[in-house]
């Protein structure tokens, strides 16, 4: 199990845990980032936000938020 920000471009897995404040959790749920969803990292650069694909939706997420999302590879 790794946090989402530890994955490299092209890696994918299933979200198993999200540990963040409730306000951020509600926002992530609205975007489709939920436990049990498959997530794929499209781009992970040094100074850029994480470019991910959840289900069929592509989005950018801040790295500080991505380290609270745990993925089973």
PDB file of N, CA and C in Angstrom:
ATOM      1  N   UNK A   1       0.856  -1.165   0.000  1.00  0.00           N
ATOM      2  CA  UNK A   1       0.000   0.000   0.000  1.00  0.00           C
ATOM      3  C   UNK A   1       0.908   1.236   0.000  1.00  0.00           C
ATOM      4  N   UNK A   2       0.639   2.168  -0.916  1.00  0.00           N
ATOM      5  CA  UNK A   2       1.404   3.400  -1.045  1.00  0.00           C
ATOM      6  C   UNK A   2       0.447   4.582  -1.094  1.00  0.00           C
ATOM      7  N   UNK A   3       0.984   5.747  -0.768  1.00  0.00           N
ATOM      8  CA  UNK A   3       0.159   6.940  -0.947  1.00  0.00           C
ATOM      9  C   UNK A   3       0.179   7.318  -2.422  1.00  0.00           C
ATOM     10  N   UNK A   4      -0.825   8.033  -2.846  1.00  0.00           N
ATOM     11  CA  UNK A   4      -0.995   8.362  -4.260  1.00  0.00           C
ATOM     12  C   UNK A   4       0.174   9.183  -4.805  1.00  0.00           C
ATOM     13  N   UNK A   5       0.754  10.045  -3.979  1.00  0.00           N
ATOM     14  CA  UNK A   5       1.851  10.878  -4.475  1.00  0.00           C
ATOM     15  C   UNK A   5       3.154  10.090  -4.647  1.00  0.00           C
ATOM     16  N   UNK A   6       3.236   8.852  -4.149  1.00  0.00           N
ATOM     17  CA  UNK A   6       4.421   8.014  -4.320  1.00  0.00           C
ATOM     18  C   UNK A   6       4.396   7.236  -5.633  1.00  0.00           C
ATOM     19  N   UNK A   7       3.252   7.204  -6.300  1.00  0.00           N
ATOM     20  CA  UNK A   7       3.155   6.469  -7.557  1.00  0.00           C
ATOM     21  C   UNK A   7       3.812   7.253  -8.685  1.00  0.00           C
ATOM     22  N   UNK A   8       4.319   6.535  -9.658  1.00  0.00           N
ATOM     23  CA  UNK A   8       4.957   7.149 -10.816  1.00  0.00           C
ATOM     24  C   UNK A   8       3.968   7.210 -11.973  1.00  0.00           C
ATOM     25  N   UNK A   9       4.322   7.947 -12.991  1.00  0.00           N
ATOM     26  CA  UNK A   9       3.465   8.044 -14.174  1.00  0.00           C
ATOM     27  C   UNK A   9       3.218   6.664 -14.758  1.00  0.00           C
ATOM     28  N   UNK A  10       1.957   6.355 -15.042  1.00  0.00           N
ATOM     29  CA  UNK A  10       1.588   5.064 -15.599  1.00  0.00           C
ATOM     30  C   UNK A  10       1.164   4.035 -14.564  1.00  0.00           C
ATOM     31  N   UNK A  11       1.438   4.280 -13.274  1.00  0.00           N
ATOM     32  CA  UNK A  11       1.023   3.351 -12.222  1.00  0.00           C
ATOM     33  C   UNK A  11      -0.465   3.500 -11.944  1.00  0.00           C
ATOM     34  N   UNK A  12      -1.079   2.422 -11.516  1.00  0.00           N
ATOM     35  CA  UNK A  12      -2.497   2.470 -11.170  1.00  0.00           C
ATOM     36  C   UNK A  12      -2.762   1.546  -9.998  1.00  0.00           C
ATOM     37  N   UNK A  13      -3.897   1.736  -9.371  1.00  0.00           N
ATOM     38  CA  UNK A  13      -4.284   0.911  -8.244  1.00  0.00           C
ATOM     39  C   UNK A  13      -5.681   1.267  -7.780  1.00  0.00           C
ATOM     40  N   UNK A  14      -6.071   0.648  -6.662  1.00  0.00           N
ATOM     41  CA  UNK A  14      -7.400   0.856  -6.107  1.00  0.00           C
ATOM     42  C   UNK A  14      -7.289   1.646  -4.806  1.00  0.00           C
ATOM     43  N   UNK A  15      -8.128   2.644  -4.643  1.00  0.00           N
ATOM     44  CA  UNK A  15      -8.113   3.473  -3.439  1.00  0.00           C
ATOM     45  C   UNK A  15      -8.659   2.644  -2.277  1.00  0.00           C
ATOM     46  N   UNK A  16      -7.853   2.529  -1.212  1.00  0.00           N
ATOM     47  CA  UNK A  16      -8.269   1.737  -0.064  1.00  0.00           C
ATOM     48  C   UNK A  16      -8.491   2.577   1.192  1.00  0.00           C
ATOM     49  N   UNK A  17      -7.903   3.790   1.238  1.00  0.00           N
ATOM     50  CA  UNK A  17      -8.057   4.618   2.430  1.00  0.00           C
ATOM     51  C   UNK A  17      -7.861   6.086   2.060  1.00  0.00           C
ATOM     52  N   UNK A  18      -8.699   6.935   2.633  1.00  0.00           N
ATOM     53  CA  UNK A  18      -8.548   8.386   2.480  1.00  0.00           C
ATOM     54  C   UNK A  18      -8.561   8.975   3.877  1.00  0.00           C
ATOM     55  N   UNK A  19      -7.451   9.560   4.290  1.00  0.00           N
ATOM     56  CA  UNK A  19      -7.363  10.139   5.633  1.00  0.00           C
ATOM     57  C   UNK A  19      -7.153  11.644   5.513  1.00  0.00           C
ATOM     58  N   UNK A  20      -8.247  12.389   5.658  1.00  0.00           N
ATOM     59  CA  UNK A  20      -8.195  13.847   5.552  1.00  0.00           C
ATOM     60  C   UNK A  20      -9.381  14.429   6.313  1.00  0.00           C
ATOM     61  N   UNK A  21      -9.375  15.740   6.521  1.00  0.00           N
ATOM     62  CA  UNK A  21     -10.526  16.380   7.192  1.00  0.00           C
ATOM     63  C   UNK A  21     -11.823  16.164   6.404  1.00  0.00           C
ATOM     64  N   UNK A  22     -12.938  16.206   7.102  1.00  0.00           N
ATOM     65  CA  UNK A  22     -14.234  15.924   6.479  1.00  0.00           C
ATOM     66  C   UNK A  22     -14.558  16.873   5.328  1.00  0.00           C
ATOM     67  N   UNK A  23     -14.168  18.127   5.443  1.00  0.00           N
ATOM     68  CA  UNK A  23     -14.475  19.068   4.370  1.00  0.00           C
ATOM     69  C   UNK A  23     -13.769  18.672   3.077  1.00  0.00           C
ATOM     70  N   UNK A  24     -12.516  18.239   3.183  1.00  0.00           N
ATOM     71  CA  UNK A  24     -11.777  17.796   2.006  1.00  0.00           C
ATOM     72  C   UNK A  24     -12.314  16.455   1.504  1.00  0.00           C
ATOM     73  N   UNK A  25     -12.736  15.601   2.433  1.00  0.00           N
ATOM     74  CA  UNK A  25     -13.303  14.311   2.051  1.00  0.00           C
ATOM     75  C   UNK A  25     -14.574  14.486   1.231  1.00  0.00           C
ATOM     76  N   UNK A  26     -15.436  15.442   1.603  1.00  0.00           N
ATOM     77  CA  UNK A  26     -16.653  15.716   0.836  1.00  0.00           C
ATOM     78  C   UNK A  26     -16.316  16.189  -0.574  1.00  0.00           C
ATOM     79  N   UNK A  27     -15.284  17.033  -0.684  1.00  0.00           N
ATOM     80  CA  UNK A  27     -14.866  17.532  -2.003  1.00  0.00           C
ATOM     81  C   UNK A  27     -14.336  16.397  -2.867  1.00  0.00           C
ATOM     82  N   UNK A  28     -13.530  15.509  -2.266  1.00  0.00           N
ATOM     83  CA  UNK A  28     -12.994  14.376  -3.025  1.00  0.00           C
ATOM     84  C   UNK A  28     -14.097  13.434  -3.468  1.00  0.00           C
ATOM     85  N   UNK A  29     -15.067  13.197  -2.613  1.00  0.00           N
ATOM     86  CA  UNK A  29     -16.208  12.356  -2.989  1.00  0.00           C
ATOM     87  C   UNK A  29     -16.984  12.970  -4.147  1.00  0.00           C
ATOM     88  N   UNK A  30     -17.134  14.278  -4.141  1.00  0.00           N
ATOM     89  CA  UNK A  30     -17.840  14.954  -5.233  1.00  0.00           C
ATOM     90  C   UNK A  30     -17.080  14.817  -6.549  1.00  0.00           C
ATOM     91  N   UNK A  31     -15.755  14.749  -6.486  1.00  0.00           N
ATOM     92  CA  UNK A  31     -14.941  14.579  -7.686  1.00  0.00           C
ATOM     93  C   UNK A  31     -14.859  13.121  -8.145  1.00  0.00           C
ATOM     94  N   UNK A  32     -15.337  12.195  -7.310  1.00  0.00           N
ATOM     95  CA  UNK A  32     -15.302  10.782  -7.674  1.00  0.00           C
ATOM     96  C   UNK A  32     -14.159  10.016  -7.039  1.00  0.00           C
ATOM     97  N   UNK A  33     -13.393  10.674  -6.185  1.00  0.00           N
ATOM     98  CA  UNK A  33     -12.286  10.010  -5.492  1.00  0.00           C
ATOM     99  C   UNK A  33     -12.855   9.365  -4.243  1.00  0.00           C
ATOM    100  N   UNK A  34     -13.131   8.056  -4.335  1.00  0.00           N
ATOM    101  CA  UNK A  34     -13.746   7.304  -3.246  1.00  0.00           C
ATOM    102  C   UNK A  34     -13.012   5.989  -3.056  1.00  0.00           C
ATOM    103  N   UNK A  35     -13.200   5.391  -1.897  1.00  0.00           N
ATOM    104  CA  UNK A  35     -12.606   4.080  -1.650  1.00  0.00           C
ATOM    105  C   UNK A  35     -13.224   3.067  -2.625  1.00  0.00           C
ATOM    106  N   UNK A  36     -12.378   2.201  -3.153  1.00  0.00           N
ATOM    107  CA  UNK A  36     -12.834   1.187  -4.080  1.00  0.00           C
ATOM    108  C   UNK A  36     -12.696   1.587  -5.541  1.00  0.00           C
ATOM    109  N   UNK A  37     -12.451   2.871  -5.815  1.00  0.00           N
ATOM    110  CA  UNK A  37     -12.306   3.342  -7.197  1.00  0.00           C
ATOM    111  C   UNK A  37     -10.896   3.060  -7.708  1.00  0.00           C
ATOM    112  N   UNK A  38     -10.809   2.782  -8.993  1.00  0.00           N
ATOM    113  CA  UNK A  38      -9.508   2.599  -9.635  1.00  0.00           C
ATOM    114  C   UNK A  38      -8.967   3.965 -10.017  1.00  0.00           C
ATOM    115  N   UNK A  39      -7.682   4.186  -9.726  1.00  0.00           N
ATOM    116  CA  UNK A  39      -7.041   5.458 -10.042  1.00  0.00           C
ATOM    117  C   UNK A  39      -5.746   5.177 -10.792  1.00  0.00           C
ATOM    118  N   UNK A  40      -5.475   6.010 -11.795  1.00  0.00           N
ATOM    119  CA  UNK A  40      -4.247   5.882 -12.581  1.00  0.00           C
ATOM    120  C   UNK A  40      -3.536   7.233 -12.586  1.00  0.00           C
ATOM    121  N   UNK A  41      -2.219   7.200 -12.372  1.00  0.00           N
ATOM    122  CA  UNK A  41      -1.420   8.429 -12.417  1.00  0.00           C
ATOM    123  C   UNK A  41      -0.980   8.639 -13.853  1.00  0.00           C
ATOM    124  N   UNK A  42      -1.401   9.747 -14.449  1.00  0.00           N
ATOM    125  CA  UNK A  42      -1.027  10.054 -15.816  1.00  0.00           C
ATOM    126  C   UNK A  42       0.300  10.803 -15.869  1.00  0.00           C
ATOM    127  N   UNK A  43       0.495  11.764 -14.967  1.00  0.00           N
ATOM    128  CA  UNK A  43       1.746  12.513 -14.886  1.00  0.00           C
ATOM    129  C   UNK A  43       2.050  12.866 -13.440  1.00  0.00           C
ATOM    130  N   UNK A  44       3.300  12.683 -13.072  1.00  0.00           N
ATOM    131  CA  UNK A  44       3.748  13.048 -11.738  1.00  0.00           C
ATOM    132  C   UNK A  44       5.084  13.760 -11.886  1.00  0.00           C
ATOM    133  N   UNK A  45       5.060  15.083 -11.882  1.00  0.00           N
ATOM    134  CA  UNK A  45       6.269  15.872 -12.054  1.00  0.00           C
ATOM    135  C   UNK A  45       6.777  16.396 -10.719  1.00  0.00           C
ATOM    136  N   UNK A  46       7.921  17.040 -10.746  1.00  0.00           N
ATOM    137  CA  UNK A  46       8.532  17.556  -9.516  1.00  0.00           C
ATOM    138  C   UNK A  46       7.736  18.699  -8.909  1.00  0.00           C
ATOM    139  N   UNK A  47       7.419  19.701  -9.691  1.00  0.00           N
ATOM    140  CA  UNK A  47       6.786  20.894  -9.136  1.00  0.00           C
ATOM    141  C   UNK A  47       5.367  21.097  -9.656  1.00  0.00           C
ATOM    142  N   UNK A  48       4.775  20.068 -10.173  1.00  0.00           N
ATOM    143  CA  UNK A  48       3.420  20.167 -10.724  1.00  0.00           C
ATOM    144  C   UNK A  48       2.452  19.365  -9.871  1.00  0.00           C
ATOM    145  N   UNK A  49       1.174  19.706  -9.957  1.00  0.00           N
ATOM    146  CA  UNK A  49       0.187  18.852  -9.287  1.00  0.00           C
ATOM    147  C   UNK A  49       0.119  17.494  -9.990  1.00  0.00           C
ATOM    148  N   UNK A  50      -0.457  16.536  -9.319  1.00  0.00           N
ATOM    149  CA  UNK A  50      -0.587  15.177  -9.846  1.00  0.00           C
ATOM    150  C   UNK A  50      -1.727  15.133 -10.864  1.00  0.00           C
ATOM    151  N   UNK A  51      -1.474  14.612 -12.038  1.00  0.00           N
ATOM    152  CA  UNK A  51      -2.494  14.454 -13.076  1.00  0.00           C
ATOM    153  C   UNK A  51      -2.970  13.009 -12.987  1.00  0.00           C
ATOM    154  N   UNK A  52      -4.224  12.804 -12.601  1.00  0.00           N
ATOM    155  CA  UNK A  52      -4.743  11.450 -12.386  1.00  0.00           C
ATOM    156  C   UNK A  52      -6.011  11.227 -13.204  1.00  0.00           C
ATOM    157  N   UNK A  53      -6.347   9.950 -13.325  1.00  0.00           N
ATOM    158  CA  UNK A  53      -7.595   9.550 -13.969  1.00  0.00           C
ATOM    159  C   UNK A  53      -8.329   8.629 -13.001  1.00  0.00           C
ATOM    160  N   UNK A  54      -9.516   9.038 -12.593  1.00  0.00           N
ATOM    161  CA  UNK A  54     -10.372   8.228 -11.727  1.00  0.00           C
ATOM    162  C   UNK A  54     -11.584   7.844 -12.539  1.00  0.00           C
ATOM    163  N   UNK A  55     -11.763   6.550 -12.721  1.00  0.00           N
ATOM    164  CA  UNK A  55     -12.820   6.034 -13.582  1.00  0.00           C
ATOM    165  C   UNK A  55     -12.565   6.553 -14.996  1.00  0.00           C
ATOM    166  N   UNK A  56     -13.380   7.455 -15.504  1.00  0.00           N
ATOM    167  CA  UNK A  56     -13.147   8.014 -16.847  1.00  0.00           C
ATOM    168  C   UNK A  56     -12.872   9.511 -16.792  1.00  0.00           C
ATOM    169  N   UNK A  57     -12.669  10.052 -15.590  1.00  0.00           N
ATOM    170  CA  UNK A  57     -12.482  11.483 -15.402  1.00  0.00           C
ATOM    171  C   UNK A  57     -11.021  11.808 -15.110  1.00  0.00           C
ATOM    172  N   UNK A  58     -10.457  12.722 -15.900  1.00  0.00           N
ATOM    173  CA  UNK A  58      -9.095  13.186 -15.647  1.00  0.00           C
ATOM    174  C   UNK A  58      -9.153  14.453 -14.815  1.00  0.00           C
ATOM    175  N   UNK A  59      -8.227  14.573 -13.850  1.00  0.00           N
ATOM    176  CA  UNK A  59      -8.185  15.750 -12.982  1.00  0.00           C
ATOM    177  C   UNK A  59      -6.788  15.950 -12.431  1.00  0.00           C
ATOM    178  N   UNK A  60      -6.554  17.126 -11.888  1.00  0.00           N
ATOM    179  CA  UNK A  60      -5.304  17.441 -11.207  1.00  0.00           C
ATOM    180  C   UNK A  60      -5.588  17.517  -9.716  1.00  0.00           C
ATOM    181  N   UNK A  61      -4.655  17.025  -8.915  1.00  0.00           N
ATOM    182  CA  UNK A  61      -4.806  17.053  -7.467  1.00  0.00           C
ATOM    183  C   UNK A  61      -3.492  17.530  -6.851  1.00  0.00           C
ATOM    184  N   UNK A  62      -3.590  18.319  -5.797  1.00  0.00           N
ATOM    185  CA  UNK A  62      -2.389  18.813  -5.127  1.00  0.00           C
ATOM    186  C   UNK A  62      -1.651  17.652  -4.474  1.00  0.00           C
ATOM    187  N   UNK A  63      -0.326  17.727  -4.467  1.00  0.00           N
ATOM    188  CA  UNK A  63       0.479  16.652  -3.888  1.00  0.00           C
ATOM    189  C   UNK A  63       0.245  16.504  -2.391  1.00  0.00           C
ATOM    190  N   UNK A  64      -0.010  17.615  -1.703  1.00  0.00           N
ATOM    191  CA  UNK A  64      -0.253  17.512  -0.262  1.00  0.00           C
ATOM    192  C   UNK A  64      -1.582  16.796   0.026  1.00  0.00           C
ATOM    193  N   UNK A  65      -2.541  16.867  -0.888  1.00  0.00           N
ATOM    194  CA  UNK A  65      -3.787  16.114  -0.738  1.00  0.00           C
ATOM    195  C   UNK A  65      -3.589  14.663  -1.177  1.00  0.00           C
ATOM    196  N   UNK A  66      -2.748  14.453  -2.173  1.00  0.00           N
ATOM    197  CA  UNK A  66      -2.519  13.101  -2.701  1.00  0.00           C
ATOM    198  C   UNK A  66      -1.817  12.207  -1.694  1.00  0.00           C
ATOM    199  N   UNK A  67      -1.056  12.785  -0.769  1.00  0.00           N
ATOM    200  CA  UNK A  67      -0.377  11.913   0.199  1.00  0.00           C
ATOM    201  C   UNK A  67      -1.322  11.413   1.279  1.00  0.00           C
ATOM    202  N   UNK A  68      -2.563  11.875   1.307  1.00  0.00           N
ATOM    203  CA  UNK A  68      -3.572  11.371   2.231  1.00  0.00           C
ATOM    204  C   UNK A  68      -4.437  10.275   1.614  1.00  0.00           C
ATOM    205  N   UNK A  69      -4.177   9.943   0.356  1.00  0.00           N
ATOM    206  CA  UNK A  69      -4.950   8.903  -0.336  1.00  0.00           C
ATOM    207  C   UNK A  69      -4.063   7.673  -0.484  1.00  0.00           C
ATOM    208  N   UNK A  70      -4.491   6.562   0.088  1.00  0.00           N
ATOM    209  CA  UNK A  70      -3.704   5.328   0.081  1.00  0.00           C
ATOM    210  C   UNK A  70      -4.246   4.383  -0.982  1.00  0.00           C
ATOM    211  N   UNK A  71      -3.328   3.821  -1.762  1.00  0.00           N
ATOM    212  CA  UNK A  71      -3.686   3.001  -2.926  1.00  0.00           C
ATOM    213  C   UNK A  71      -3.058   1.616  -2.795  1.00  0.00           C
ATOM    214  N   UNK A  72      -3.820   0.589  -3.115  1.00  0.00           N
ATOM    215  CA  UNK A  72      -3.305  -0.776  -3.178  1.00  0.00           C
ATOM    216  C   UNK A  72      -2.983  -1.074  -4.626  1.00  0.00           C
ATOM    217  N   UNK A  73      -1.724  -1.349  -4.904  1.00  0.00           N
ATOM    218  CA  UNK A  73      -1.259  -1.550  -6.278  1.00  0.00           C
ATOM    219  C   UNK A  73      -1.555  -2.966  -6.734  1.00  0.00           C
TER     220      UNK A  73
END
